[in-house]
């Protein structure tokens, strides 16, 4: 039992480093591996990623295993389905992830100023990634769900904690408590939105101005499983990548003051 837990910990915390440092150090930087009885392809070659994610997307089906593993969390969303179901989910989400609503810019600015203020006013060194990760969750939750989790200003962060632990849940299938916390938050939000007279708000709010949860409730009012899956998929896809990219950008700008000043000048001149 102890060996199994050690192996799980080692896999969870060193797998990416192993892939980057050893597996991908091969001609073509693309490998095929057999992992737990299944074949997987691993690559960081730009043209291969473009083929998988865009040009030849339909040639690379996810298969049944991702659905079996993640459907309890992500439902029948873009991350767990293929074919018509995937296409339907993509069409539902695309307007919300590919456009900026009039309120999104001031919403982002409000959270950015809060983040910068906390970093500036901190009497001690701060973990930039932790701050940016909390900022990203606050921002995407307000944009897509209509209300912020306010993790930047809260001492207790149950929603964020549940999302972080959900990664361990996906790996080990053990952490049921965190999943309940997360789905309870989402379900309460869905119920709150269902109670709103969304269909009668045409005069004050157009369909294009709906946030994601309002749109899903308006189009699938009786399918809570579908709504929850779409919301979970968008939150998980938008939080970590954005936080990692922002933190990495800050890291490099801090190491290259000339580049930082050039960027600052370009922004101020806009």
C-alpha atoms as a PDB file:
ATOM      1  CA  UNK A   1       0.000   0.000   0.000  1.00  0.00           C
ATOM      2  CA  UNK A   2       2.793   2.423   0.960  1.00  0.00           C
ATOM      3  CA  UNK A   3       4.634   1.602  -2.257  1.00  0.00           C
ATOM      4  CA  UNK A   4       1.481   2.333  -4.262  1.00  0.00           C
ATOM      5  CA  UNK A   5       1.056   5.744  -2.638  1.00  0.00           C
ATOM      6  CA  UNK A   6       4.734   6.560  -3.197  1.00  0.00           C
ATOM      7  CA  UNK A   7       4.444   5.529  -6.829  1.00  0.00           C
ATOM      8  CA  UNK A   8       1.325   7.659  -7.245  1.00  0.00           C
ATOM      9  CA  UNK A   9       3.046  10.662  -5.662  1.00  0.00           C
ATOM     10  CA  UNK A  10       6.121  10.186  -7.829  1.00  0.00           C
ATOM     11  CA  UNK A  11       4.005   9.899 -10.984  1.00  0.00           C
ATOM     12  CA  UNK A  12       1.929  12.972 -10.114  1.00  0.00           C
ATOM     13  CA  UNK A  13       4.920  15.172  -9.302  1.00  0.00           C
ATOM     14  CA  UNK A  14       7.632  14.068 -11.738  1.00  0.00           C
ATOM     15  CA  UNK A  15       5.830  12.757 -14.828  1.00  0.00           C
ATOM     16  CA  UNK A  16       5.945  16.075 -16.712  1.00  0.00           C
ATOM     17  CA  UNK A  17       9.650  16.528 -15.917  1.00  0.00           C
ATOM     18  CA  UNK A  18      10.353  12.970 -17.063  1.00  0.00           C
ATOM     19  CA  UNK A  19       8.548  13.585 -20.350  1.00  0.00           C
ATOM     20  CA  UNK A  20      10.274  16.918 -21.006  1.00  0.00           C
ATOM     21  CA  UNK A  21      13.780  15.898 -19.927  1.00  0.00           C
ATOM     22  CA  UNK A  22      13.997  12.367 -21.292  1.00  0.00           C
ATOM     23  CA  UNK A  23      11.162  11.151 -23.474  1.00  0.00           C
ATOM     24  CA  UNK A  24      10.970  14.165 -25.791  1.00  0.00           C
ATOM     25  CA  UNK A  25      14.746  14.360 -26.201  1.00  0.00           C
ATOM     26  CA  UNK A  26      14.461  12.288 -29.366  1.00  0.00           C
ATOM     27  CA  UNK A  27      14.560  13.109 -33.088  1.00  0.00           C
ATOM     28  CA  UNK A  28      11.225  14.646 -34.062  1.00  0.00           C
ATOM     29  CA  UNK A  29      10.329  15.259 -30.398  1.00  0.00           C
ATOM     30  CA  UNK A  30       7.330  12.968 -30.791  1.00  0.00           C
ATOM     31  CA  UNK A  31       6.969   9.572 -29.134  1.00  0.00           C
ATOM     32  CA  UNK A  32       4.377   6.857 -28.742  1.00  0.00           C
ATOM     33  CA  UNK A  33       4.092   5.230 -25.333  1.00  0.00           C
ATOM     34  CA  UNK A  34       2.117   2.372 -23.859  1.00  0.00           C
ATOM     35  CA  UNK A  35       0.831   3.550 -20.501  1.00  0.00           C
ATOM     36  CA  UNK A  36      -1.387   1.363 -18.322  1.00  0.00           C
ATOM     37  CA  UNK A  37      -2.396  -0.740 -21.306  1.00  0.00           C
ATOM     38  CA  UNK A  38      -3.187   2.149 -23.644  1.00  0.00           C
ATOM     39  CA  UNK A  39      -1.209   3.822 -26.423  1.00  0.00           C
ATOM     40  CA  UNK A  40      -0.592   7.553 -26.111  1.00  0.00           C
ATOM     41  CA  UNK A  41       1.274  10.060 -28.269  1.00  0.00           C
ATOM     42  CA  UNK A  42       3.373  12.774 -26.641  1.00  0.00           C
ATOM     43  CA  UNK A  43       4.764  15.696 -28.610  1.00  0.00           C
ATOM     44  CA  UNK A  44       5.821  19.319 -28.327  1.00  0.00           C
ATOM     45  CA  UNK A  45       6.457  19.753 -32.039  1.00  0.00           C
ATOM     46  CA  UNK A  46       4.413  22.719 -33.271  1.00  0.00           C
ATOM     47  CA  UNK A  47       3.250  21.186 -36.549  1.00  0.00           C
ATOM     48  CA  UNK A  48       2.101  18.008 -34.816  1.00  0.00           C
ATOM     49  CA  UNK A  49       0.175  19.952 -32.187  1.00  0.00           C
ATOM     50  CA  UNK A  50      -1.433  22.035 -34.933  1.00  0.00           C
ATOM     51  CA  UNK A  51      -2.483  18.867 -36.770  1.00  0.00           C
ATOM     52  CA  UNK A  52      -3.981  17.301 -33.629  1.00  0.00           C
ATOM     53  CA  UNK A  53      -5.699  20.429 -32.347  1.00  0.00           C
ATOM     54  CA  UNK A  54      -6.806  21.977 -35.651  1.00  0.00           C
ATOM     55  CA  UNK A  55      -6.040  20.641 -39.129  1.00  0.00           C
ATOM     56  CA  UNK A  56      -6.692  16.939 -38.428  1.00  0.00           C
ATOM     57  CA  UNK A  57      -8.668  17.233 -35.210  1.00  0.00           C
ATOM     58  CA  UNK A  58     -11.375  14.755 -36.230  1.00  0.00           C
ATOM     59  CA  UNK A  59      -8.727  12.085 -36.898  1.00  0.00           C
ATOM     60  CA  UNK A  60      -7.723  11.976 -33.227  1.00  0.00           C
ATOM     61  CA  UNK A  61     -10.694  10.727 -31.219  1.00  0.00           C
ATOM     62  CA  UNK A  62     -10.457  10.694 -27.433  1.00  0.00           C
ATOM     63  CA  UNK A  63     -12.101   7.297 -27.123  1.00  0.00           C
ATOM     64  CA  UNK A  64     -14.136   5.905 -24.257  1.00  0.00           C
ATOM     65  CA  UNK A  65     -11.498   5.991 -21.516  1.00  0.00           C
ATOM     66  CA  UNK A  66     -11.442   9.790 -20.952  1.00  0.00           C
ATOM     67  CA  UNK A  67     -15.235   9.770 -20.736  1.00  0.00           C
ATOM     68  CA  UNK A  68     -15.209   6.917 -18.208  1.00  0.00           C
ATOM     69  CA  UNK A  69     -12.590   8.662 -16.060  1.00  0.00           C
ATOM     70  CA  UNK A  70     -13.757  12.283 -16.215  1.00  0.00           C
ATOM     71  CA  UNK A  71     -17.496  12.215 -16.958  1.00  0.00           C
ATOM     72  CA  UNK A  72     -18.443  12.358 -13.265  1.00  0.00           C
ATOM     73  CA  UNK A  73     -16.686  15.737 -13.152  1.00  0.00           C
ATOM     74  CA  UNK A  74     -16.781  17.113 -16.695  1.00  0.00           C
ATOM     75  CA  UNK A  75     -19.995  15.457 -17.897  1.00  0.00           C
ATOM     76  CA  UNK A  76     -20.512  15.244 -21.653  1.00  0.00           C
ATOM     77  CA  UNK A  77     -18.328  18.266 -22.391  1.00  0.00           C
ATOM     78  CA  UNK A  78     -15.700  18.976 -25.047  1.00  0.00           C
ATOM     79  CA  UNK A  79     -13.068  17.186 -22.943  1.00  0.00           C
ATOM     80  CA  UNK A  80     -14.903  13.873 -22.707  1.00  0.00           C
ATOM     81  CA  UNK A  81     -16.786  13.419 -25.985  1.00  0.00           C
ATOM     82  CA  UNK A  82     -16.234  12.929 -29.703  1.00  0.00           C
ATOM     83  CA  UNK A  83     -18.365  13.343 -32.805  1.00  0.00           C
ATOM     84  CA  UNK A  84     -21.790  15.043 -32.656  1.00  0.00           C
ATOM     85  CA  UNK A  85     -21.726  15.478 -28.857  1.00  0.00           C
ATOM     86  CA  UNK A  86     -18.350  17.186 -29.024  1.00  0.00           C
ATOM     87  CA  UNK A  87     -19.497  19.391 -31.906  1.00  0.00           C
ATOM     88  CA  UNK A  88     -22.636  20.429 -30.025  1.00  0.00           C
ATOM     89  CA  UNK A  89     -20.666  21.322 -26.890  1.00  0.00           C
ATOM     90  CA  UNK A  90     -18.106  23.257 -28.915  1.00  0.00           C
ATOM     91  CA  UNK A  91     -20.807  25.290 -30.669  1.00  0.00           C
ATOM     92  CA  UNK A  92     -22.372  26.131 -27.298  1.00  0.00           C
ATOM     93  CA  UNK A  93     -19.099  27.289 -25.753  1.00  0.00           C
ATOM     94  CA  UNK A  94     -17.377  28.957 -28.699  1.00  0.00           C
ATOM     95  CA  UNK A  95     -19.229  32.314 -28.526  1.00  0.00           C
ATOM     96  CA  UNK A  96     -18.215  32.685 -24.882  1.00  0.00           C
ATOM     97  CA  UNK A  97     -14.518  31.848 -25.268  1.00  0.00           C
ATOM     98  CA  UNK A  98     -13.913  33.594 -28.603  1.00  0.00           C
ATOM     99  CA  UNK A  99     -15.404  37.040 -27.960  1.00  0.00           C
ATOM    100  CA  UNK A 100     -15.192  39.836 -25.424  1.00  0.00           C
ATOM    101  CA  UNK A 101     -18.427  41.253 -24.030  1.00  0.00           C
ATOM    102  CA  UNK A 102     -18.672  44.995 -23.247  1.00  0.00           C
ATOM    103  CA  UNK A 103     -18.415  44.341 -19.500  1.00  0.00           C
ATOM    104  CA  UNK A 104     -15.436  41.963 -19.692  1.00  0.00           C
ATOM    105  CA  UNK A 105     -12.716  44.647 -19.993  1.00  0.00           C
ATOM    106  CA  UNK A 106     -13.754  46.676 -16.911  1.00  0.00           C
ATOM    107  CA  UNK A 107     -14.303  43.396 -15.049  1.00  0.00           C
ATOM    108  CA  UNK A 108     -10.760  42.283 -15.849  1.00  0.00           C
ATOM    109  CA  UNK A 109      -9.367  45.702 -14.914  1.00  0.00           C
ATOM    110  CA  UNK A 110     -11.034  45.560 -11.501  1.00  0.00           C
ATOM    111  CA  UNK A 111      -9.426  42.213 -10.692  1.00  0.00           C
ATOM    112  CA  UNK A 112      -6.051  43.271 -12.144  1.00  0.00           C
ATOM    113  CA  UNK A 113      -5.959  46.337  -9.894  1.00  0.00           C
ATOM    114  CA  UNK A 114      -6.786  44.197  -6.873  1.00  0.00           C
ATOM    115  CA  UNK A 115      -3.962  41.795  -7.782  1.00  0.00           C
ATOM    116  CA  UNK A 116      -1.416  44.588  -8.295  1.00  0.00           C
ATOM    117  CA  UNK A 117      -2.470  46.264  -5.067  1.00  0.00           C
ATOM    118  CA  UNK A 118      -1.966  43.083  -3.047  1.00  0.00           C
ATOM    119  CA  UNK A 119       1.468  42.490  -4.550  1.00  0.00           C
ATOM    120  CA  UNK A 120       2.538  46.124  -4.043  1.00  0.00           C
ATOM    121  CA  UNK A 121       1.260  46.419  -0.475  1.00  0.00           C
ATOM    122  CA  UNK A 122       2.565  43.083   0.796  1.00  0.00           C
ATOM    123  CA  UNK A 123       5.199  43.634   3.527  1.00  0.00           C
ATOM    124  CA  UNK A 124       6.829  40.331   2.606  1.00  0.00           C
ATOM    125  CA  UNK A 125       7.797  38.476  -0.520  1.00  0.00           C
ATOM    126  CA  UNK A 126       4.817  36.970  -2.282  1.00  0.00           C
ATOM    127  CA  UNK A 127       4.329  33.798  -4.254  1.00  0.00           C
ATOM    128  CA  UNK A 128       3.465  35.345  -7.614  1.00  0.00           C
ATOM    129  CA  UNK A 129       1.970  32.169  -9.019  1.00  0.00           C
ATOM    130  CA  UNK A 130      -0.329  31.787  -6.014  1.00  0.00           C
ATOM    131  CA  UNK A 131      -1.533  35.378  -6.415  1.00  0.00           C
ATOM    132  CA  UNK A 132      -2.001  35.090 -10.181  1.00  0.00           C
ATOM    133  CA  UNK A 133      -3.783  31.763  -9.841  1.00  0.00           C
ATOM    134  CA  UNK A 134      -6.267  33.288  -7.404  1.00  0.00           C
ATOM    135  CA  UNK A 135      -6.692  36.306  -9.674  1.00  0.00           C
ATOM    136  CA  UNK A 136      -7.357  34.064 -12.661  1.00  0.00           C
ATOM    137  CA  UNK A 137     -10.022  32.092 -10.795  1.00  0.00           C
ATOM    138  CA  UNK A 138     -11.722  35.304  -9.635  1.00  0.00           C
ATOM    139  CA  UNK A 139     -11.725  36.662 -13.178  1.00  0.00           C
ATOM    140  CA  UNK A 140     -12.956  33.588 -15.053  1.00  0.00           C
ATOM    141  CA  UNK A 141     -15.616  32.837 -12.448  1.00  0.00           C
ATOM    142  CA  UNK A 142     -17.044  36.346 -12.806  1.00  0.00           C
ATOM    143  CA  UNK A 143     -16.853  36.320 -16.619  1.00  0.00           C
ATOM    144  CA  UNK A 144     -18.350  32.854 -17.126  1.00  0.00           C
ATOM    145  CA  UNK A 145     -20.455  32.362 -13.986  1.00  0.00           C
ATOM    146  CA  UNK A 146     -21.540  35.917 -13.309  1.00  0.00           C
ATOM    147  CA  UNK A 147     -20.053  36.111  -9.818  1.00  0.00           C
ATOM    148  CA  UNK A 148     -16.482  36.061  -8.575  1.00  0.00           C
ATOM    149  CA  UNK A 149     -15.132  33.530  -6.099  1.00  0.00           C
ATOM    150  CA  UNK A 150     -13.193  36.440  -4.492  1.00  0.00           C
ATOM    151  CA  UNK A 151     -10.296  34.159  -3.634  1.00  0.00           C
ATOM    152  CA  UNK A 152      -7.847  37.093  -3.689  1.00  0.00           C
ATOM    153  CA  UNK A 153      -9.542  38.733  -0.725  1.00  0.00           C
ATOM    154  CA  UNK A 154     -10.808  35.675   1.161  1.00  0.00           C
ATOM    155  CA  UNK A 155      -8.941  33.820   3.884  1.00  0.00           C
ATOM    156  CA  UNK A 156     -10.824  30.626   3.164  1.00  0.00           C
ATOM    157  CA  UNK A 157     -10.939  29.517  -0.457  1.00  0.00           C
ATOM    158  CA  UNK A 158     -13.074  26.345  -0.621  1.00  0.00           C
ATOM    159  CA  UNK A 159     -13.829  26.644  -4.325  1.00  0.00           C
ATOM    160  CA  UNK A 160     -10.195  27.106  -5.326  1.00  0.00           C
ATOM    161  CA  UNK A 161      -9.049  24.401  -2.912  1.00  0.00           C
ATOM    162  CA  UNK A 162     -11.571  22.001  -4.403  1.00  0.00           C
ATOM    163  CA  UNK A 163     -10.405  22.769  -7.948  1.00  0.00           C
ATOM    164  CA  UNK A 164      -6.772  22.178  -7.002  1.00  0.00           C
ATOM    165  CA  UNK A 165      -7.555  18.911  -5.262  1.00  0.00           C
ATOM    166  CA  UNK A 166      -9.637  17.835  -8.212  1.00  0.00           C
ATOM    167  CA  UNK A 167      -6.382  17.270 -10.109  1.00  0.00           C
ATOM    168  CA  UNK A 168      -5.398  14.705  -7.510  1.00  0.00           C
ATOM    169  CA  UNK A 169      -8.895  13.240  -7.709  1.00  0.00           C
ATOM    170  CA  UNK A 170      -8.513  12.778 -11.458  1.00  0.00           C
ATOM    171  CA  UNK A 171      -5.215  10.978 -10.934  1.00  0.00           C
ATOM    172  CA  UNK A 172      -6.010   8.781  -7.955  1.00  0.00           C
ATOM    173  CA  UNK A 173      -9.845   8.667  -7.894  1.00  0.00           C
ATOM    174  CA  UNK A 174      -9.765   9.018  -4.105  1.00  0.00           C
ATOM    175  CA  UNK A 175     -10.680  12.577  -3.199  1.00  0.00           C
ATOM    176  CA  UNK A 176     -14.471  12.570  -3.061  1.00  0.00           C
ATOM    177  CA  UNK A 177     -14.791  15.413  -0.563  1.00  0.00           C
ATOM    178  CA  UNK A 178     -13.294  18.052  -2.831  1.00  0.00           C
ATOM    179  CA  UNK A 179     -15.537  16.979  -5.679  1.00  0.00           C
ATOM    180  CA  UNK A 180     -18.616  17.436  -3.487  1.00  0.00           C
ATOM    181  CA  UNK A 181     -17.485  20.949  -2.499  1.00  0.00           C
ATOM    182  CA  UNK A 182     -17.006  21.902  -6.114  1.00  0.00           C
ATOM    183  CA  UNK A 183     -20.248  20.476  -7.456  1.00  0.00           C
ATOM    184  CA  UNK A 184     -22.186  21.970  -4.540  1.00  0.00           C
ATOM    185  CA  UNK A 185     -20.918  25.435  -5.499  1.00  0.00           C
ATOM    186  CA  UNK A 186     -21.746  24.898  -9.178  1.00  0.00           C
ATOM    187  CA  UNK A 187     -25.153  23.377  -8.420  1.00  0.00           C
ATOM    188  CA  UNK A 188     -26.090  26.286  -6.147  1.00  0.00           C
ATOM    189  CA  UNK A 189     -25.125  28.694  -8.903  1.00  0.00           C
ATOM    190  CA  UNK A 190     -27.211  26.787 -11.437  1.00  0.00           C
ATOM    191  CA  UNK A 191     -30.243  26.798  -9.134  1.00  0.00           C
ATOM    192  CA  UNK A 192     -29.828  30.519  -8.482  1.00  0.00           C
ATOM    193  CA  UNK A 193     -29.689  31.197 -12.224  1.00  0.00           C
ATOM    194  CA  UNK A 194     -32.659  28.937 -12.921  1.00  0.00           C
ATOM    195  CA  UNK A 195     -34.666  31.079 -10.517  1.00  0.00           C
ATOM    196  CA  UNK A 196     -34.001  34.197 -12.598  1.00  0.00           C
ATOM    197  CA  UNK A 197     -36.509  35.203 -15.296  1.00  0.00           C
ATOM    198  CA  UNK A 198     -33.820  34.969 -17.995  1.00  0.00           C
ATOM    199  CA  UNK A 199     -36.247  34.436 -20.851  1.00  0.00           C
ATOM    200  CA  UNK A 200     -38.036  37.660 -19.928  1.00  0.00           C
ATOM    201  CA  UNK A 201     -34.899  39.828 -19.934  1.00  0.00           C
ATOM    202  CA  UNK A 202     -34.734  40.372 -23.694  1.00  0.00           C
ATOM    203  CA  UNK A 203     -35.326  44.103 -23.339  1.00  0.00           C
ATOM    204  CA  UNK A 204     -32.508  44.648 -20.860  1.00  0.00           C
ATOM    205  CA  UNK A 205     -30.044  41.917 -21.848  1.00  0.00           C
ATOM    206  CA  UNK A 206     -29.478  40.361 -25.259  1.00  0.00           C
ATOM    207  CA  UNK A 207     -28.383  36.762 -25.828  1.00  0.00           C
ATOM    208  CA  UNK A 208     -24.882  38.020 -26.702  1.00  0.00           C
ATOM    209  CA  UNK A 209     -24.645  39.695 -23.299  1.00  0.00           C
ATOM    210  CA  UNK A 210     -25.483  36.517 -21.379  1.00  0.00           C
ATOM    211  CA  UNK A 211     -22.635  35.005 -19.422  1.00  0.00           C
ATOM    212  CA  UNK A 212     -22.039  31.291 -19.911  1.00  0.00           C
ATOM    213  CA  UNK A 213     -24.196  30.019 -17.069  1.00  0.00           C
ATOM    214  CA  UNK A 214     -27.128  32.208 -18.167  1.00  0.00           C
ATOM    215  CA  UNK A 215     -26.801  30.957 -21.734  1.00  0.00           C
ATOM    216  CA  UNK A 216     -26.669  27.306 -20.657  1.00  0.00           C
ATOM    217  CA  UNK A 217     -29.659  27.678 -18.351  1.00  0.00           C
ATOM    218  CA  UNK A 218     -31.634  29.470 -21.053  1.00  0.00           C
ATOM    219  CA  UNK A 219     -30.934  26.777 -23.666  1.00  0.00           C
ATOM    220  CA  UNK A 220     -30.902  23.668 -21.418  1.00  0.00           C
ATOM    221  CA  UNK A 221     -33.165  24.552 -18.459  1.00  0.00           C
ATOM    222  CA  UNK A 222     -33.897  20.925 -17.570  1.00  0.00           C
ATOM    223  CA  UNK A 223     -30.430  19.425 -18.019  1.00  0.00           C
ATOM    224  CA  UNK A 224     -28.365  20.199 -14.932  1.00  0.00           C
ATOM    225  CA  UNK A 225     -25.860  17.435 -15.745  1.00  0.00           C
ATOM    226  CA  UNK A 226     -25.068  19.065 -19.096  1.00  0.00           C
ATOM    227  CA  UNK A 227     -24.834  22.561 -17.596  1.00  0.00           C
ATOM    228  CA  UNK A 228     -22.517  21.465 -14.806  1.00  0.00           C
ATOM    229  CA  UNK A 229     -20.224  19.596 -17.208  1.00  0.00           C
ATOM    230  CA  UNK A 230     -19.857  22.595 -19.513  1.00  0.00           C
ATOM    231  CA  UNK A 231     -19.145  24.967 -16.621  1.00  0.00           C
ATOM    232  CA  UNK A 232     -16.578  22.642 -15.087  1.00  0.00           C
ATOM    233  CA  UNK A 233     -14.834  22.168 -18.432  1.00  0.00           C
ATOM    234  CA  UNK A 234     -14.544  25.908 -19.073  1.00  0.00           C
ATOM    235  CA  UNK A 235     -13.342  26.678 -15.547  1.00  0.00           C
ATOM    236  CA  UNK A 236     -10.673  23.989 -15.624  1.00  0.00           C
ATOM    237  CA  UNK A 237      -9.516  25.008 -19.109  1.00  0.00           C
ATOM    238  CA  UNK A 238      -9.374  28.737 -18.402  1.00  0.00           C
ATOM    239  CA  UNK A 239      -7.874  28.910 -14.904  1.00  0.00           C
ATOM    240  CA  UNK A 240      -4.567  27.034 -14.927  1.00  0.00           C
ATOM    241  CA  UNK A 241      -3.334  27.820 -18.472  1.00  0.00           C
ATOM    242  CA  UNK A 242      -3.994  31.533 -17.964  1.00  0.00           C
ATOM    243  CA  UNK A 243      -2.311  31.565 -14.555  1.00  0.00           C
ATOM    244  CA  UNK A 244       0.738  29.670 -15.820  1.00  0.00           C
ATOM    245  CA  UNK A 245       1.144  31.894 -18.894  1.00  0.00           C
ATOM    246  CA  UNK A 246       0.780  35.104 -16.871  1.00  0.00           C
ATOM    247  CA  UNK A 247       3.250  33.960 -14.204  1.00  0.00           C
ATOM    248  CA  UNK A 248       5.761  32.843 -16.823  1.00  0.00           C
ATOM    249  CA  UNK A 249       5.447  36.225 -18.550  1.00  0.00           C
ATOM    250  CA  UNK A 250       6.044  38.088 -15.271  1.00  0.00           C
ATOM    251  CA  UNK A 251       9.085  35.901 -14.592  1.00  0.00           C
ATOM    252  CA  UNK A 252      10.699  36.711 -17.933  1.00  0.00           C
ATOM    253  CA  UNK A 253       9.844  40.420 -17.777  1.00  0.00           C
ATOM    254  CA  UNK A 254      11.439  40.606 -14.318  1.00  0.00           C
ATOM    255  CA  UNK A 255      14.629  39.101 -15.750  1.00  0.00           C
ATOM    256  CA  UNK A 256      14.706  41.450 -18.761  1.00  0.00           C
ATOM    257  CA  UNK A 257      14.176  45.057 -17.605  1.00  0.00           C
ATOM    258  CA  UNK A 258      14.828  46.484 -21.079  1.00  0.00           C
ATOM    259  CA  UNK A 259      12.027  44.389 -22.525  1.00  0.00           C
ATOM    260  CA  UNK A 260       9.775  45.377 -19.620  1.00  0.00           C
ATOM    261  CA  UNK A 261      10.399  49.098 -20.258  1.00  0.00           C
ATOM    262  CA  UNK A 262       9.734  48.634 -23.971  1.00  0.00           C
ATOM    263  CA  UNK A 263       6.446  46.894 -23.261  1.00  0.00           C
ATOM    264  CA  UNK A 264       5.509  49.542 -20.690  1.00  0.00           C
ATOM    265  CA  UNK A 265       6.179  52.292 -23.224  1.00  0.00           C
ATOM    266  CA  UNK A 266       4.041  50.604 -25.879  1.00  0.00           C
ATOM    267  CA  UNK A 267       1.151  50.225 -23.434  1.00  0.00           C
ATOM    268  CA  UNK A 268       1.364  53.845 -22.277  1.00  0.00           C
ATOM    269  CA  UNK A 269       1.378  55.081 -25.874  1.00  0.00           C
ATOM    270  CA  UNK A 270      -1.823  53.262 -26.755  1.00  0.00           C
END
